[in-house]
């Protein structure tokens, strides 16, 4: 029994090594092995300035996306909690988000062309 289990173990190891060797691609492409950075050509000058407006819009999107994930549980516990406390918490939370949205709008962060 011991010999059979050792034989199966060695066969499995040989198959793993063979599949690892056979599955590797030997063709190395310079374009595919270079990093892709935000749609910019990585072969060009790396210190070329670009607009940070894309990152600002992405950050604003993430903030309001997280807002949705925080509001959904509040809606789900509506039946089991005190209605007055829950409505005050939701109004306060939405008020903070609206103040943040007004601030971003006032600062011109939502204008695409600057």
PDB file of N, CA and C in Angstrom:
ATOM      1  N   UNK A   1       0.802  -1.188   0.000  1.00  0.00           N
ATOM      2  CA  UNK A   1       0.000   0.000   0.000  1.00  0.00           C
ATOM      3  C   UNK A   1       0.854   1.264   0.000  1.00  0.00           C
ATOM      4  N   UNK A   2       1.940   1.224   0.754  1.00  0.00           N
ATOM      5  CA  UNK A   2       2.825   2.373   0.829  1.00  0.00           C
ATOM      6  C   UNK A   2       3.460   2.662  -0.526  1.00  0.00           C
ATOM      7  N   UNK A   3       3.829   1.616  -1.248  1.00  0.00           N
ATOM      8  CA  UNK A   3       4.448   1.801  -2.556  1.00  0.00           C
ATOM      9  C   UNK A   3       3.466   2.395  -3.553  1.00  0.00           C
ATOM     10  N   UNK A   4       2.229   1.991  -3.457  1.00  0.00           N
ATOM     11  CA  UNK A   4       1.214   2.520  -4.357  1.00  0.00           C
ATOM     12  C   UNK A   4       0.976   4.011  -4.112  1.00  0.00           C
ATOM     13  N   UNK A   5       0.932   4.401  -2.853  1.00  0.00           N
ATOM     14  CA  UNK A   5       0.735   5.821  -2.549  1.00  0.00           C
ATOM     15  C   UNK A   5       1.947   6.653  -2.965  1.00  0.00           C
ATOM     16  N   UNK A   6       3.151   6.109  -2.790  1.00  0.00           N
ATOM     17  CA  UNK A   6       4.350   6.824  -3.250  1.00  0.00           C
ATOM     18  C   UNK A   6       4.377   6.936  -4.771  1.00  0.00           C
ATOM     19  N   UNK A   7       3.958   5.889  -5.464  1.00  0.00           N
ATOM     20  CA  UNK A   7       3.903   5.916  -6.918  1.00  0.00           C
ATOM     21  C   UNK A   7       2.909   6.975  -7.403  1.00  0.00           C
ATOM     22  N   UNK A   8       1.743   7.041  -6.777  1.00  0.00           N
ATOM     23  CA  UNK A   8       0.751   8.047  -7.140  1.00  0.00           C
ATOM     24  C   UNK A   8       1.283   9.459  -6.848  1.00  0.00           C
ATOM     25  N   UNK A   9       1.969   9.618  -5.716  1.00  0.00           N
ATOM     26  CA  UNK A   9       2.555  10.907  -5.365  1.00  0.00           C
ATOM     27  C   UNK A   9       3.568  11.359  -6.411  1.00  0.00           C
ATOM     28  N   UNK A  10       4.462  10.470  -6.827  1.00  0.00           N
ATOM     29  CA  UNK A  10       5.475  10.829  -7.821  1.00  0.00           C
ATOM     30  C   UNK A  10       4.856  11.089  -9.196  1.00  0.00           C
ATOM     31  N   UNK A  11       3.851  10.342  -9.562  1.00  0.00           N
ATOM     32  CA  UNK A  11       3.178  10.578 -10.847  1.00  0.00           C
ATOM     33  C   UNK A  11       2.501  11.948 -10.850  1.00  0.00           C
ATOM     34  N   UNK A  12       1.870  12.280  -9.740  1.00  0.00           N
ATOM     35  CA  UNK A  12       1.227  13.606  -9.651  1.00  0.00           C
ATOM     36  C   UNK A  12       2.253  14.728  -9.726  1.00  0.00           C
ATOM     37  N   UNK A  13       3.368  14.565  -9.045  1.00  0.00           N
ATOM     38  CA  UNK A  13       4.415  15.584  -9.102  1.00  0.00           C
ATOM     39  C   UNK A  13       5.002  15.721 -10.501  1.00  0.00           C
ATOM     40  N   UNK A  14       5.213  14.624 -11.168  1.00  0.00           N
ATOM     41  CA  UNK A  14       5.742  14.668 -12.537  1.00  0.00           C
ATOM     42  C   UNK A  14       4.748  15.360 -13.461  1.00  0.00           C
ATOM     43  N   UNK A  15       3.461  15.064 -13.311  1.00  0.00           N
ATOM     44  CA  UNK A  15       2.441  15.724 -14.132  1.00  0.00           C
ATOM     45  C   UNK A  15       2.374  17.228 -13.853  1.00  0.00           C
ATOM     46  N   UNK A  16       2.510  17.616 -12.613  1.00  0.00           N
ATOM     47  CA  UNK A  16       2.499  19.047 -12.273  1.00  0.00           C
ATOM     48  C   UNK A  16       3.698  19.751 -12.895  1.00  0.00           C
ATOM     49  N   UNK A  17       4.872  19.154 -12.804  1.00  0.00           N
ATOM     50  CA  UNK A  17       6.082  19.750 -13.385  1.00  0.00           C
ATOM     51  C   UNK A  17       5.985  19.821 -14.901  1.00  0.00           C
ATOM     52  N   UNK A  18       5.493  18.762 -15.543  1.00  0.00           N
ATOM     53  CA  UNK A  18       5.335  18.770 -16.998  1.00  0.00           C
ATOM     54  C   UNK A  18       4.320  19.814 -17.452  1.00  0.00           C
ATOM     55  N   UNK A  19       3.220  19.920 -16.751  1.00  0.00           N
ATOM     56  CA  UNK A  19       2.226  20.921 -17.152  1.00  0.00           C
ATOM     57  C   UNK A  19       2.756  22.337 -16.945  1.00  0.00           C
ATOM     58  N   UNK A  20       3.562  22.534 -15.914  1.00  0.00           N
ATOM     59  CA  UNK A  20       4.159  23.852 -15.690  1.00  0.00           C
ATOM     60  C   UNK A  20       5.148  24.209 -16.798  1.00  0.00           C
ATOM     61  N   UNK A  21       5.934  23.249 -17.227  1.00  0.00           N
ATOM     62  CA  UNK A  21       6.913  23.501 -18.294  1.00  0.00           C
ATOM     63  C   UNK A  21       6.222  23.720 -19.636  1.00  0.00           C
ATOM     64  N   UNK A  22       5.218  22.919 -19.935  1.00  0.00           N
ATOM     65  CA  UNK A  22       4.553  23.007 -21.232  1.00  0.00           C
ATOM     66  C   UNK A  22       3.634  24.218 -21.346  1.00  0.00           C
ATOM     67  N   UNK A  23       3.140  24.727 -20.245  1.00  0.00           N
ATOM     68  CA  UNK A  23       2.191  25.833 -20.330  1.00  0.00           C
ATOM     69  C   UNK A  23       2.852  27.197 -20.405  1.00  0.00           C
ATOM     70  N   UNK A  24       4.137  27.278 -20.149  1.00  0.00           N
ATOM     71  CA  UNK A  24       4.819  28.568 -20.192  1.00  0.00           C
ATOM     72  C   UNK A  24       5.023  29.006 -21.631  1.00  0.00           C
ATOM     73  N   UNK A  25       4.776  30.292 -21.860  1.00  0.00           N
ATOM     74  CA  UNK A  25       5.017  30.842 -23.193  1.00  0.00           C
ATOM     75  C   UNK A  25       6.468  31.298 -23.280  1.00  0.00           C
ATOM     76  N   UNK A  26       7.125  30.915 -24.325  1.00  0.00           N
ATOM     77  CA  UNK A  26       8.521  31.300 -24.480  1.00  0.00           C
ATOM     78  C   UNK A  26       8.658  32.601 -25.259  1.00  0.00           C
ATOM     79  N   UNK A  27       7.557  33.069 -25.852  1.00  0.00           N
ATOM     80  CA  UNK A  27       7.591  34.299 -26.630  1.00  0.00           C
ATOM     81  C   UNK A  27       7.382  35.489 -25.702  1.00  0.00           C
ATOM     82  N   UNK A  28       8.398  36.330 -25.558  1.00  0.00           N
ATOM     83  CA  UNK A  28       8.316  37.497 -24.693  1.00  0.00           C
ATOM     84  C   UNK A  28       8.125  38.728 -25.569  1.00  0.00           C
ATOM     85  N   UNK A  29       6.985  39.369 -25.412  1.00  0.00           N
ATOM     86  CA  UNK A  29       6.657  40.557 -26.175  1.00  0.00           C
ATOM     87  C   UNK A  29       6.968  41.787 -25.323  1.00  0.00           C
ATOM     88  N   UNK A  30       7.666  42.756 -25.896  1.00  0.00           N
ATOM     89  CA  UNK A  30       8.047  43.957 -25.147  1.00  0.00           C
ATOM     90  C   UNK A  30       6.830  44.788 -24.770  1.00  0.00           C
ATOM     91  N   UNK A  31       5.853  44.848 -25.655  1.00  0.00           N
ATOM     92  CA  UNK A  31       4.648  45.633 -25.373  1.00  0.00           C
ATOM     93  C   UNK A  31       3.826  45.003 -24.250  1.00  0.00           C
ATOM     94  N   UNK A  32       3.713  43.683 -24.267  1.00  0.00           N
ATOM     95  CA  UNK A  32       2.885  43.025 -23.268  1.00  0.00           C
ATOM     96  C   UNK A  32       3.570  42.942 -21.909  1.00  0.00           C
ATOM     97  N   UNK A  33       4.869  42.956 -21.868  1.00  0.00           N
ATOM     98  CA  UNK A  33       5.560  42.886 -20.586  1.00  0.00           C
ATOM     99  C   UNK A  33       5.753  44.258 -19.957  1.00  0.00           C
ATOM    100  N   UNK A  34       5.465  45.341 -20.688  1.00  0.00           N
ATOM    101  CA  UNK A  34       5.581  46.682 -20.119  1.00  0.00           C
ATOM    102  C   UNK A  34       4.297  47.047 -19.378  1.00  0.00           C
ATOM    103  N   UNK A  35       4.409  47.881 -18.357  1.00  0.00           N
ATOM    104  CA  UNK A  35       3.209  48.251 -17.599  1.00  0.00           C
ATOM    105  C   UNK A  35       2.317  49.205 -18.381  1.00  0.00           C
ATOM    106  N   UNK A  36       1.024  49.107 -18.131  1.00  0.00           N
ATOM    107  CA  UNK A  36       0.052  49.998 -18.753  1.00  0.00           C
ATOM    108  C   UNK A  36      -0.376  51.011 -17.707  1.00  0.00           C
ATOM    109  N   UNK A  37      -0.094  52.277 -17.929  1.00  0.00           N
ATOM    110  CA  UNK A  37      -0.344  53.310 -16.932  1.00  0.00           C
ATOM    111  C   UNK A  37      -1.425  54.275 -17.403  1.00  0.00           C
ATOM    112  N   UNK A  38      -2.630  54.063 -16.987  1.00  0.00           N
ATOM    113  CA  UNK A  38      -3.742  55.014 -17.142  1.00  0.00           C
ATOM    114  C   UNK A  38      -3.946  55.492 -18.574  1.00  0.00           C
ATOM    115  N   UNK A  39      -3.696  54.673 -19.542  1.00  0.00           N
ATOM    116  CA  UNK A  39      -3.939  55.046 -20.918  1.00  0.00           C
ATOM    117  C   UNK A  39      -2.815  55.818 -21.562  1.00  0.00           C
ATOM    118  N   UNK A  40      -1.720  56.060 -20.853  1.00  0.00           N
ATOM    119  CA  UNK A  40      -0.599  56.790 -21.412  1.00  0.00           C
ATOM    120  C   UNK A  40       0.445  55.813 -21.929  1.00  0.00           C
ATOM    121  N   UNK A  41       1.163  56.207 -22.939  1.00  0.00           N
ATOM    122  CA  UNK A  41       2.189  55.365 -23.543  1.00  0.00           C
ATOM    123  C   UNK A  41       3.358  55.225 -22.573  1.00  0.00           C
ATOM    124  N   UNK A  42       3.689  54.017 -22.110  1.00  0.00           N
ATOM    125  CA  UNK A  42       4.777  53.878 -21.139  1.00  0.00           C
ATOM    126  C   UNK A  42       6.156  54.074 -21.759  1.00  0.00           C
ATOM    127  N   UNK A  43       6.237  54.122 -23.078  1.00  0.00           N
ATOM    128  CA  UNK A  43       7.540  54.294 -23.730  1.00  0.00           C
ATOM    129  C   UNK A  43       7.941  55.761 -23.816  1.00  0.00           C
ATOM    130  N   UNK A  44       7.001  56.657 -23.538  1.00  0.00           N
ATOM    131  CA  UNK A  44       7.320  58.077 -23.645  1.00  0.00           C
ATOM    132  C   UNK A  44       7.977  58.563 -22.355  1.00  0.00           C
ATOM    133  N   UNK A  45       8.231  59.852 -22.297  1.00  0.00           N
ATOM    134  CA  UNK A  45       8.872  60.473 -21.148  1.00  0.00           C
ATOM    135  C   UNK A  45       7.992  60.300 -19.909  1.00  0.00           C
ATOM    136  N   UNK A  46       8.540  59.773 -18.837  1.00  0.00           N
ATOM    137  CA  UNK A  46       7.732  59.427 -17.673  1.00  0.00           C
ATOM    138  C   UNK A  46       7.312  60.643 -16.853  1.00  0.00           C
ATOM    139  N   UNK A  47       7.952  61.762 -17.012  1.00  0.00           N
ATOM    140  CA  UNK A  47       7.614  62.951 -16.228  1.00  0.00           C
ATOM    141  C   UNK A  47       6.704  63.910 -16.987  1.00  0.00           C
ATOM    142  N   UNK A  48       6.018  63.411 -18.010  1.00  0.00           N
ATOM    143  CA  UNK A  48       5.112  64.244 -18.784  1.00  0.00           C
ATOM    144  C   UNK A  48       3.902  64.605 -17.927  1.00  0.00           C
ATOM    145  N   UNK A  49       3.557  65.883 -17.810  1.00  0.00           N
ATOM    146  CA  UNK A  49       2.419  66.259 -16.960  1.00  0.00           C
ATOM    147  C   UNK A  49       1.092  65.853 -17.595  1.00  0.00           C
ATOM    148  N   UNK A  50       0.146  65.512 -16.739  1.00  0.00           N
ATOM    149  CA  UNK A  50      -1.196  65.181 -17.199  1.00  0.00           C
ATOM    150  C   UNK A  50      -2.194  65.675 -16.156  1.00  0.00           C
ATOM    151  N   UNK A  51      -3.425  65.740 -16.561  1.00  0.00           N
ATOM    152  CA  UNK A  51      -4.468  66.301 -15.711  1.00  0.00           C
ATOM    153  C   UNK A  51      -4.832  65.342 -14.587  1.00  0.00           C
ATOM    154  N   UNK A  52      -4.909  65.863 -13.381  1.00  0.00           N
ATOM    155  CA  UNK A  52      -5.329  65.071 -12.237  1.00  0.00           C
ATOM    156  C   UNK A  52      -6.838  65.060 -12.073  1.00  0.00           C
ATOM    157  N   UNK A  53      -7.525  65.669 -13.011  1.00  0.00           N
ATOM    158  CA  UNK A  53      -8.975  65.770 -12.931  1.00  0.00           C
ATOM    159  C   UNK A  53      -9.642  64.390 -12.991  1.00  0.00           C
ATOM    160  N   UNK A  54      -9.041  63.454 -13.732  1.00  0.00           N
ATOM    161  CA  UNK A  54      -9.574  62.090 -13.792  1.00  0.00           C
ATOM    162  C   UNK A  54      -9.583  61.456 -12.402  1.00  0.00           C
ATOM    163  N   UNK A  55      -8.498  61.637 -11.659  1.00  0.00           N
ATOM    164  CA  UNK A  55      -8.402  61.055 -10.332  1.00  0.00           C
ATOM    165  C   UNK A  55      -9.369  61.729  -9.363  1.00  0.00           C
ATOM    166  N   UNK A  56      -9.596  63.016  -9.527  1.00  0.00           N
ATOM    167  CA  UNK A  56     -10.542  63.728  -8.676  1.00  0.00           C
ATOM    168  C   UNK A  56     -11.961  63.234  -8.904  1.00  0.00           C
ATOM    169  N   UNK A  57     -12.333  63.059 -10.163  1.00  0.00           N
ATOM    170  CA  UNK A  57     -13.667  62.541 -10.473  1.00  0.00           C
ATOM    171  C   UNK A  57     -13.818  61.120  -9.942  1.00  0.00           C
ATOM    172  N   UNK A  58     -12.772  60.304 -10.050  1.00  0.00           N
ATOM    173  CA  UNK A  58     -12.837  58.929  -9.531  1.00  0.00           C
ATOM    174  C   UNK A  58     -12.984  58.926  -8.014  1.00  0.00           C
ATOM    175  N   UNK A  59     -12.314  59.831  -7.331  1.00  0.00           N
ATOM    176  CA  UNK A  59     -12.429  59.917  -5.879  1.00  0.00           C
ATOM    177  C   UNK A  59     -13.828  60.350  -5.461  1.00  0.00           C
ATOM    178  N   UNK A  60     -14.381  61.325  -6.158  1.00  0.00           N
ATOM    179  CA  UNK A  60     -15.746  61.770  -5.864  1.00  0.00           C
ATOM    180  C   UNK A  60     -16.729  60.626  -6.110  1.00  0.00           C
ATOM    181  N   UNK A  61     -16.528  59.881  -7.186  1.00  0.00           N
ATOM    182  CA  UNK A  61     -17.390  58.740  -7.465  1.00  0.00           C
ATOM    183  C   UNK A  61     -17.313  57.699  -6.346  1.00  0.00           C
ATOM    184  N   UNK A  62     -16.109  57.422  -5.861  1.00  0.00           N
ATOM    185  CA  UNK A  62     -15.962  56.447  -4.781  1.00  0.00           C
ATOM    186  C   UNK A  62     -16.642  56.907  -3.504  1.00  0.00           C
ATOM    187  N   UNK A  63     -16.560  58.193  -3.211  1.00  0.00           N
ATOM    188  CA  UNK A  63     -17.211  58.714  -2.004  1.00  0.00           C
ATOM    189  C   UNK A  63     -18.713  58.506  -2.092  1.00  0.00           C
ATOM    190  N   UNK A  64     -19.322  58.839  -3.235  1.00  0.00           N
ATOM    191  CA  UNK A  64     -20.761  58.696  -3.352  1.00  0.00           C
ATOM    192  C   UNK A  64     -21.181  57.244  -3.566  1.00  0.00           C
ATOM    193  N   UNK A  65     -20.276  56.407  -4.014  1.00  0.00           N
ATOM    194  CA  UNK A  65     -20.565  54.988  -4.120  1.00  0.00           C
ATOM    195  C   UNK A  65     -20.589  54.354  -2.726  1.00  0.00           C
ATOM    196  N   UNK A  66     -19.678  54.761  -1.871  1.00  0.00           N
ATOM    197  CA  UNK A  66     -19.659  54.279  -0.489  1.00  0.00           C
ATOM    198  C   UNK A  66     -20.890  54.775   0.249  1.00  0.00           C
ATOM    199  N   UNK A  67     -21.357  55.953  -0.112  1.00  0.00           N
ATOM    200  CA  UNK A  67     -22.578  56.494   0.501  1.00  0.00           C
ATOM    201  C   UNK A  67     -23.753  55.540   0.289  1.00  0.00           C
ATOM    202  N   UNK A  68     -23.873  55.006  -0.891  1.00  0.00           N
ATOM    203  CA  UNK A  68     -24.973  54.082  -1.181  1.00  0.00           C
ATOM    204  C   UNK A  68     -24.854  52.832  -0.317  1.00  0.00           C
ATOM    205  N   UNK A  69     -23.636  52.335  -0.149  1.00  0.00           N
ATOM    206  CA  UNK A  69     -23.470  51.132   0.665  1.00  0.00           C
ATOM    207  C   UNK A  69     -23.741  51.395   2.136  1.00  0.00           C
ATOM    208  N   UNK A  70     -23.657  52.639   2.567  1.00  0.00           N
ATOM    209  CA  UNK A  70     -23.994  52.964   3.953  1.00  0.00           C
ATOM    210  C   UNK A  70     -25.482  53.258   4.138  1.00  0.00           C
ATOM    211  N   UNK A  71     -26.154  53.689   3.070  1.00  0.00           N
ATOM    212  CA  UNK A  71     -27.576  53.999   3.182  1.00  0.00           C
ATOM    213  C   UNK A  71     -28.472  52.765   3.079  1.00  0.00           C
ATOM    214  N   UNK A  72     -28.062  51.770   2.332  1.00  0.00           N
ATOM    215  CA  UNK A  72     -28.900  50.581   2.133  1.00  0.00           C
ATOM    216  C   UNK A  72     -29.179  49.842   3.441  1.00  0.00           C
ATOM    217  N   UNK A  73     -28.187  49.627   4.326  1.00  0.00           N
ATOM    218  CA  UNK A  73     -28.538  48.977   5.600  1.00  0.00           C
ATOM    219  C   UNK A  73     -29.488  49.814   6.458  1.00  0.00           C
ATOM    220  N   UNK A  74     -29.419  51.116   6.343  1.00  0.00           N
ATOM    221  CA  UNK A  74     -30.355  51.956   7.098  1.00  0.00           C
ATOM    222  C   UNK A  74     -31.785  51.730   6.625  1.00  0.00           C
ATOM    223  N   UNK A  75     -31.967  51.537   5.346  1.00  0.00           N
ATOM    224  CA  UNK A  75     -33.303  51.282   4.814  1.00  0.00           C
ATOM    225  C   UNK A  75     -33.791  49.904   5.247  1.00  0.00           C
ATOM    226  N   UNK A  76     -32.884  48.945   5.311  1.00  0.00           N
ATOM    227  CA  UNK A  76     -33.280  47.584   5.664  1.00  0.00           C
ATOM    228  C   UNK A  76     -33.694  47.444   7.132  1.00  0.00           C
ATOM    229  N   UNK A  77     -33.152  48.277   8.031  1.00  0.00           N
ATOM    230  CA  UNK A  77     -33.502  48.159   9.446  1.00  0.00           C
ATOM    231  C   UNK A  77     -34.613  49.135   9.835  1.00  0.00           C
ATOM    232  N   UNK A  78     -35.317  49.663   8.864  1.00  0.00           N
ATOM    233  CA  UNK A  78     -36.387  50.615   9.133  1.00  0.00           C
ATOM    234  C   UNK A  78     -37.488  50.030  10.007  1.00  0.00           C
ATOM    235  N   UNK A  79     -37.821  48.771   9.807  1.00  0.00           N
ATOM    236  CA  UNK A  79     -38.935  48.154  10.533  1.00  0.00           C
ATOM    237  C   UNK A  79     -38.602  47.852  11.985  1.00  0.00           C
ATOM    238  N   UNK A  80     -37.340  47.602  12.278  1.00  0.00           N
ATOM    239  CA  UNK A  80     -36.998  47.136  13.628  1.00  0.00           C
ATOM    240  C   UNK A  80     -36.394  48.221  14.514  1.00  0.00           C
ATOM    241  N   UNK A  81     -36.265  49.443  14.027  1.00  0.00           N
ATOM    242  CA  UNK A  81     -35.642  50.474  14.842  1.00  0.00           C
ATOM    243  C   UNK A  81     -36.620  51.614  15.105  1.00  0.00           C
ATOM    244  N   UNK A  82     -36.201  52.518  15.962  1.00  0.00           N
ATOM    245  CA  UNK A  82     -36.996  53.689  16.287  1.00  0.00           C
ATOM    246  C   UNK A  82     -37.012  54.618  15.079  1.00  0.00           C
ATOM    247  N   UNK A  83     -38.176  54.969  14.616  1.00  0.00           N
ATOM    248  CA  UNK A  83     -38.316  55.759  13.394  1.00  0.00           C
ATOM    249  C   UNK A  83     -37.715  57.159  13.544  1.00  0.00           C
ATOM    250  N   UNK A  84     -37.863  57.760  14.697  1.00  0.00           N
ATOM    251  CA  UNK A  84     -37.349  59.122  14.911  1.00  0.00           C
ATOM    252  C   UNK A  84     -35.819  59.138  14.880  1.00  0.00           C
ATOM    253  N   UNK A  85     -35.197  58.196  15.581  1.00  0.00           N
ATOM    254  CA  UNK A  85     -33.735  58.143  15.595  1.00  0.00           C
ATOM    255  C   UNK A  85     -33.174  57.835  14.208  1.00  0.00           C
ATOM    256  N   UNK A  86     -33.780  56.897  13.536  1.00  0.00           N
ATOM    257  CA  UNK A  86     -33.297  56.512  12.214  1.00  0.00           C
ATOM    258  C   UNK A  86     -33.447  57.649  11.216  1.00  0.00           C
ATOM    259  N   UNK A  87     -34.563  58.369  11.265  1.00  0.00           N
ATOM    260  CA  UNK A  87     -34.750  59.477  10.327  1.00  0.00           C
ATOM    261  C   UNK A  87     -33.784  60.615  10.627  1.00  0.00           C
ATOM    262  N   UNK A  88     -33.486  60.879  11.897  1.00  0.00           N
ATOM    263  CA  UNK A  88     -32.501  61.915  12.229  1.00  0.00           C
ATOM    264  C   UNK A  88     -31.105  61.537  11.738  1.00  0.00           C
ATOM    265  N   UNK A  89     -30.747  60.277  11.913  1.00  0.00           N
ATOM    266  CA  UNK A  89     -29.434  59.813  11.445  1.00  0.00           C
ATOM    267  C   UNK A  89     -29.340  59.903   9.927  1.00  0.00           C
ATOM    268  N   UNK A  90     -30.398  59.480   9.229  1.00  0.00           N
ATOM    269  CA  UNK A  90     -30.378  59.534   7.756  1.00  0.00           C
ATOM    270  C   UNK A  90     -30.343  60.973   7.251  1.00  0.00           C
ATOM    271  N   UNK A  91     -31.107  61.852   7.865  1.00  0.00           N
ATOM    272  CA  UNK A  91     -31.103  63.260   7.446  1.00  0.00           C
ATOM    273  C   UNK A  91     -29.741  63.882   7.691  1.00  0.00           C
ATOM    274  N   UNK A  92     -29.128  63.590   8.841  1.00  0.00           N
ATOM    275  CA  UNK A  92     -27.795  64.121   9.142  1.00  0.00           C
ATOM    276  C   UNK A  92     -26.763  63.600   8.155  1.00  0.00           C
ATOM    277  N   UNK A  93     -26.840  62.309   7.834  1.00  0.00           N
ATOM    278  CA  UNK A  93     -25.896  61.699   6.897  1.00  0.00           C
ATOM    279  C   UNK A  93     -26.044  62.300   5.498  1.00  0.00           C
ATOM    280  N   UNK A  94     -27.276  62.425   5.029  1.00  0.00           N
ATOM    281  CA  UNK A  94     -27.509  62.991   3.692  1.00  0.00           C
ATOM    282  C   UNK A  94     -27.137  64.477   3.665  1.00  0.00           C
ATOM    283  N   UNK A  95     -27.354  65.185   4.777  1.00  0.00           N
ATOM    284  CA  UNK A  95     -26.974  66.593   4.849  1.00  0.00           C
ATOM    285  C   UNK A  95     -25.459  66.768   4.733  1.00  0.00           C
ATOM    286  N   UNK A  96     -24.705  65.916   5.387  1.00  0.00           N
ATOM    287  CA  UNK A  96     -23.243  65.972   5.265  1.00  0.00           C
ATOM    288  C   UNK A  96     -22.817  65.728   3.825  1.00  0.00           C
ATOM    289  N   UNK A  97     -23.432  64.753   3.169  1.00  0.00           N
ATOM    290  CA  UNK A  97     -23.092  64.471   1.775  1.00  0.00           C
ATOM    291  C   UNK A  97     -23.477  65.621   0.850  1.00  0.00           C
ATOM    292  N   UNK A  98     -24.617  66.253   1.093  1.00  0.00           N
ATOM    293  CA  UNK A  98     -25.016  67.398   0.262  1.00  0.00           C
ATOM    294  C   UNK A  98     -24.107  68.592   0.479  1.00  0.00           C
ATOM    295  N   UNK A  99     -23.656  68.811   1.701  1.00  0.00           N
ATOM    296  CA  UNK A  99     -22.698  69.887   1.962  1.00  0.00           C
ATOM    297  C   UNK A  99     -21.386  69.606   1.236  1.00  0.00           C
ATOM    298  N   UNK A 100     -20.950  68.341   1.248  1.00  0.00           N
ATOM    299  CA  UNK A 100     -19.728  67.971   0.515  1.00  0.00           C
ATOM    300  C   UNK A 100     -19.891  68.145  -0.986  1.00  0.00           C
ATOM    301  N   UNK A 101     -21.055  67.785  -1.502  1.00  0.00           N
ATOM    302  CA  UNK A 101     -21.318  67.958  -2.930  1.00  0.00           C
ATOM    303  C   UNK A 101     -21.342  69.437  -3.306  1.00  0.00           C
ATOM    304  N   UNK A 102     -21.964  70.263  -2.470  1.00  0.00           N
ATOM    305  CA  UNK A 102     -21.985  71.709  -2.725  1.00  0.00           C
ATOM    306  C   UNK A 102     -20.568  72.287  -2.680  1.00  0.00           C
ATOM    307  N   UNK A 103     -19.756  71.819  -1.744  1.00  0.00           N
ATOM    308  CA  UNK A 103     -18.374  72.295  -1.654  1.00  0.00           C
ATOM    309  C   UNK A 103     -17.586  71.931  -2.915  1.00  0.00           C
ATOM    310  N   UNK A 104     -17.728  70.686  -3.371  1.00  0.00           N
ATOM    311  CA  UNK A 104     -17.039  70.262  -4.597  1.00  0.00           C
ATOM    312  C   UNK A 104     -17.523  71.071  -5.799  1.00  0.00           C
ATOM    313  N   UNK A 105     -18.795  71.328  -5.859  1.00  0.00           N
ATOM    314  CA  UNK A 105     -19.361  72.104  -6.955  1.00  0.00           C
ATOM    315  C   UNK A 105     -18.876  73.546  -6.889  1.00  0.00           C
ATOM    316  N   UNK A 106     -18.822  74.120  -5.691  1.00  0.00           N
ATOM    317  CA  UNK A 106     -18.381  75.502  -5.497  1.00  0.00           C
ATOM    318  C   UNK A 106     -16.892  75.649  -5.837  1.00  0.00           C
ATOM    319  N   UNK A 107     -16.089  74.640  -5.549  1.00  0.00           N
ATOM    320  CA  UNK A 107     -14.658  74.691  -5.843  1.00  0.00           C
ATOM    321  C   UNK A 107     -14.357  74.447  -7.323  1.00  0.00           C
ATOM    322  N   UNK A 108     -15.350  74.007  -8.075  1.00  0.00           N
ATOM    323  CA  UNK A 108     -15.176  73.766  -9.508  1.00  0.00           C
ATOM    324  C   UNK A 108     -14.634  72.398  -9.832  1.00  0.00           C
ATOM    325  N   UNK A 109     -14.697  71.479  -8.876  1.00  0.00           N
ATOM    326  CA  UNK A 109     -14.179  70.130  -9.108  1.00  0.00           C
ATOM    327  C   UNK A 109     -15.075  69.330 -10.048  1.00  0.00           C
ATOM    328  N   UNK A 110     -16.326  69.720 -10.176  1.00  0.00           N
ATOM    329  CA  UNK A 110     -17.245  68.974 -11.032  1.00  0.00           C
ATOM    330  C   UNK A 110     -17.270  69.509 -12.455  1.00  0.00           C
ATOM    331  N   UNK A 111     -16.609  70.620 -12.719  1.00  0.00           N
ATOM    332  CA  UNK A 111     -16.517  71.151 -14.075  1.00  0.00           C
ATOM    333  C   UNK A 111     -15.446  70.386 -14.826  1.00  0.00           C
ATOM    334  N   UNK A 112     -15.812  69.820 -15.968  1.00  0.00           N
ATOM    335  CA  UNK A 112     -14.850  68.977 -16.687  1.00  0.00           C
ATOM    336  C   UNK A 112     -13.749  69.812 -17.333  1.00  0.00           C
ATOM    337  N   UNK A 113     -14.070  70.961 -17.894  1.00  0.00           N
ATOM    338  CA  UNK A 113     -13.051  71.813 -18.530  1.00  0.00           C
ATOM    339  C   UNK A 113     -12.631  72.885 -17.547  1.00  0.00           C
ATOM    340  N   UNK A 114     -11.335  73.044 -17.420  1.00  0.00           N
ATOM    341  CA  UNK A 114     -10.808  74.079 -16.516  1.00  0.00           C
ATOM    342  C   UNK A 114      -9.968  75.043 -17.291  1.00  0.00           C
TER     343      UNK A 114
END
